[in-house]
Amino acid sequence: KDLKSGTDQVNKKIAVVVAGRKARESYQAMQRSNRIKSVQKDAEKLVTSTAAWQAAEERARAAEDDDVRNRVAGNYSALRKVLHSETVARKAADISIKAKLTKELNKLTDGSK
């Protein structure tokens, strides 16, 4: 009888130790799982913030490109206007020179008659 009760007590102590070990392992597994989830959340935040930063950078670059394109277009337009006015002035000068030459030529031909 004493042997049986002694064995029962040992078995109970073993069961408590085993249960304690299982509880500790379960708790550690839960902590690992929570750490993994925390790291995953941090990684997701990093990916999200990196994506947002890249999108903002791309928008800034696009706006800068648009600004450069607009300035180039404005400069090109201004240059075209200058060239056009020079061309018009040159044509007017050519017409004036041709008119003078024609007049002189007419004087010479009229004078030779």
Protein backbone atom coordinates (compact mmCIF):
# COMPACT_ATOMS: atom_id res chain seq x y z
CA LYS A 1 0.00 0.00 0.00
CA ASP A 2 2.82 2.38 0.88
CA LEU A 3 4.57 1.40 -2.31
CA LYS A 4 1.44 2.12 -4.35
CA SER A 5 0.89 5.52 -2.73
CA GLY A 6 4.61 6.32 -3.16
CA THR A 7 4.38 5.35 -6.82
CA ASP A 8 1.24 7.47 -7.23
CA GLN A 9 3.00 10.45 -5.67
CA VAL A 10 6.01 10.00 -7.98
CA ASN A 11 3.69 9.66 -10.95
CA LYS A 12 1.87 12.85 -9.89
CA LYS A 13 5.19 14.70 -9.55
CA ILE A 14 6.27 13.42 -12.97
CA ALA A 15 2.91 14.51 -14.41
CA VAL A 16 3.37 17.98 -12.87
CA VAL A 17 6.91 18.24 -14.28
CA VAL A 18 5.76 17.05 -17.70
CA ALA A 19 2.76 19.39 -17.64
CA GLY A 20 5.06 22.26 -16.59
CA ARG A 21 7.50 21.45 -19.40
CA LYS A 22 4.65 21.28 -21.93
CA ALA A 23 3.23 24.57 -20.65
CA ARG A 24 6.70 26.21 -20.91
CA GLU A 25 7.21 24.82 -24.43
CA SER A 26 3.75 26.00 -25.42
CA TYR A 27 4.46 29.48 -23.98
CA GLN A 28 7.83 29.67 -25.77
CA ALA A 29 6.19 28.56 -29.02
CA MET A 30 3.56 31.27 -28.57
CA GLN A 31 6.31 33.86 -27.92
CA ARG A 32 8.17 32.74 -31.06
CA SER A 33 4.95 32.96 -33.03
CA ASN A 34 4.28 36.47 -31.65
CA ARG A 35 7.84 37.55 -32.48
CA ILE A 36 7.44 36.16 -36.00
CA LYS A 37 4.13 38.01 -36.39
CA SER A 38 5.73 41.19 -35.04
CA VAL A 39 8.62 40.89 -37.48
CA GLN A 40 6.17 40.21 -40.31
CA LYS A 41 4.14 43.31 -39.36
CA ASP A 42 7.32 45.40 -39.21
CA ALA A 43 8.35 44.02 -42.60
CA GLU A 44 4.92 44.83 -44.04
CA LYS A 45 5.15 48.38 -42.63
CA LEU A 46 8.61 48.74 -44.12
CA VAL A 47 7.44 47.48 -47.51
CA THR A 48 4.42 49.80 -47.38
CA SER A 49 6.45 52.83 -46.33
CA THR A 50 9.13 52.02 -48.91
CA ALA A 51 6.47 51.71 -51.61
CA ALA A 52 4.90 54.99 -50.49
CA TRP A 53 8.31 56.67 -50.50
CA GLN A 54 9.09 55.32 -53.97
CA ALA A 55 5.69 56.45 -55.26
CA ALA A 56 6.27 59.94 -53.81
CA GLU A 57 9.73 60.02 -55.36
CA GLU A 58 8.31 58.97 -58.73
CA ARG A 59 5.60 61.67 -58.49
CA ALA A 60 8.27 64.26 -57.66
CA ARG A 61 10.43 63.06 -60.56
CA ALA A 62 7.42 63.15 -62.92
CA ALA A 63 6.55 66.67 -61.76
CA GLU A 64 10.16 67.69 -62.28
CA ASP A 65 10.12 66.10 -65.75
CA ASP A 66 6.89 67.95 -66.55
CA ASP A 67 8.46 71.20 -65.35
CA VAL A 68 11.53 70.60 -67.51
CA ARG A 69 9.33 69.64 -70.47
CA ASN A 70 7.25 72.79 -70.00
CA ARG A 71 10.35 74.97 -69.76
CA VAL A 72 11.83 73.34 -72.87
CA ALA A 73 8.53 73.77 -74.70
CA GLY A 74 8.39 77.42 -73.57
CA ASN A 75 11.97 77.99 -74.66
CA TYR A 76 11.30 76.27 -77.98
CA SER A 77 8.18 78.38 -78.50
CA ALA A 78 10.09 81.59 -77.71
CA LEU A 79 12.92 80.53 -80.02
CA ARG A 80 10.44 79.76 -82.81
CA LYS A 81 8.92 83.24 -82.41
CA VAL A 82 12.35 84.87 -82.60
CA LEU A 83 13.29 82.82 -85.65
CA HIS A 84 9.94 83.59 -87.25
CA SER A 85 10.34 87.33 -86.67
CA GLU A 86 13.91 87.18 -88.04
CA THR A 87 12.67 85.25 -91.06
CA VAL A 88 9.92 87.80 -91.63
CA ALA A 89 12.43 90.64 -91.27
CA ARG A 90 14.84 88.90 -93.66
CA LYS A 91 12.07 88.34 -96.20
CA ALA A 92 11.03 91.99 -95.88
CA ALA A 93 14.66 93.04 -96.37
CA ASP A 94 14.95 90.71 -99.38
CA ILE A 95 11.76 92.16 -100.84
CA SER A 96 13.03 95.68 -100.22
CA ILE A 97 16.39 94.87 -101.84
CA LYS A 98 14.65 93.20 -104.78
CA ALA A 99 12.39 96.22 -105.15
CA LYS A 100 15.39 98.58 -105.14
CA LEU A 101 17.25 96.38 -107.60
CA THR A 102 14.21 96.16 -109.84
CA LYS A 103 13.81 99.93 -109.67
CA GLU A 104 17.48 100.46 -110.51
CA LEU A 105 17.29 97.88 -113.26
CA ASN A 106 14.20 99.60 -114.64
CA LYS A 107 16.05 102.95 -114.57
CA LEU A 108 18.96 101.40 -116.41
CA THR A 109 16.81 99.70 -118.99
CA ASP A 110 14.62 102.79 -119.41
CA GLY A 111 17.72 104.93 -119.79
CA SER A 112 19.16 102.69 -122.47
CA LYS A 113 16.09 103.00 -124.67
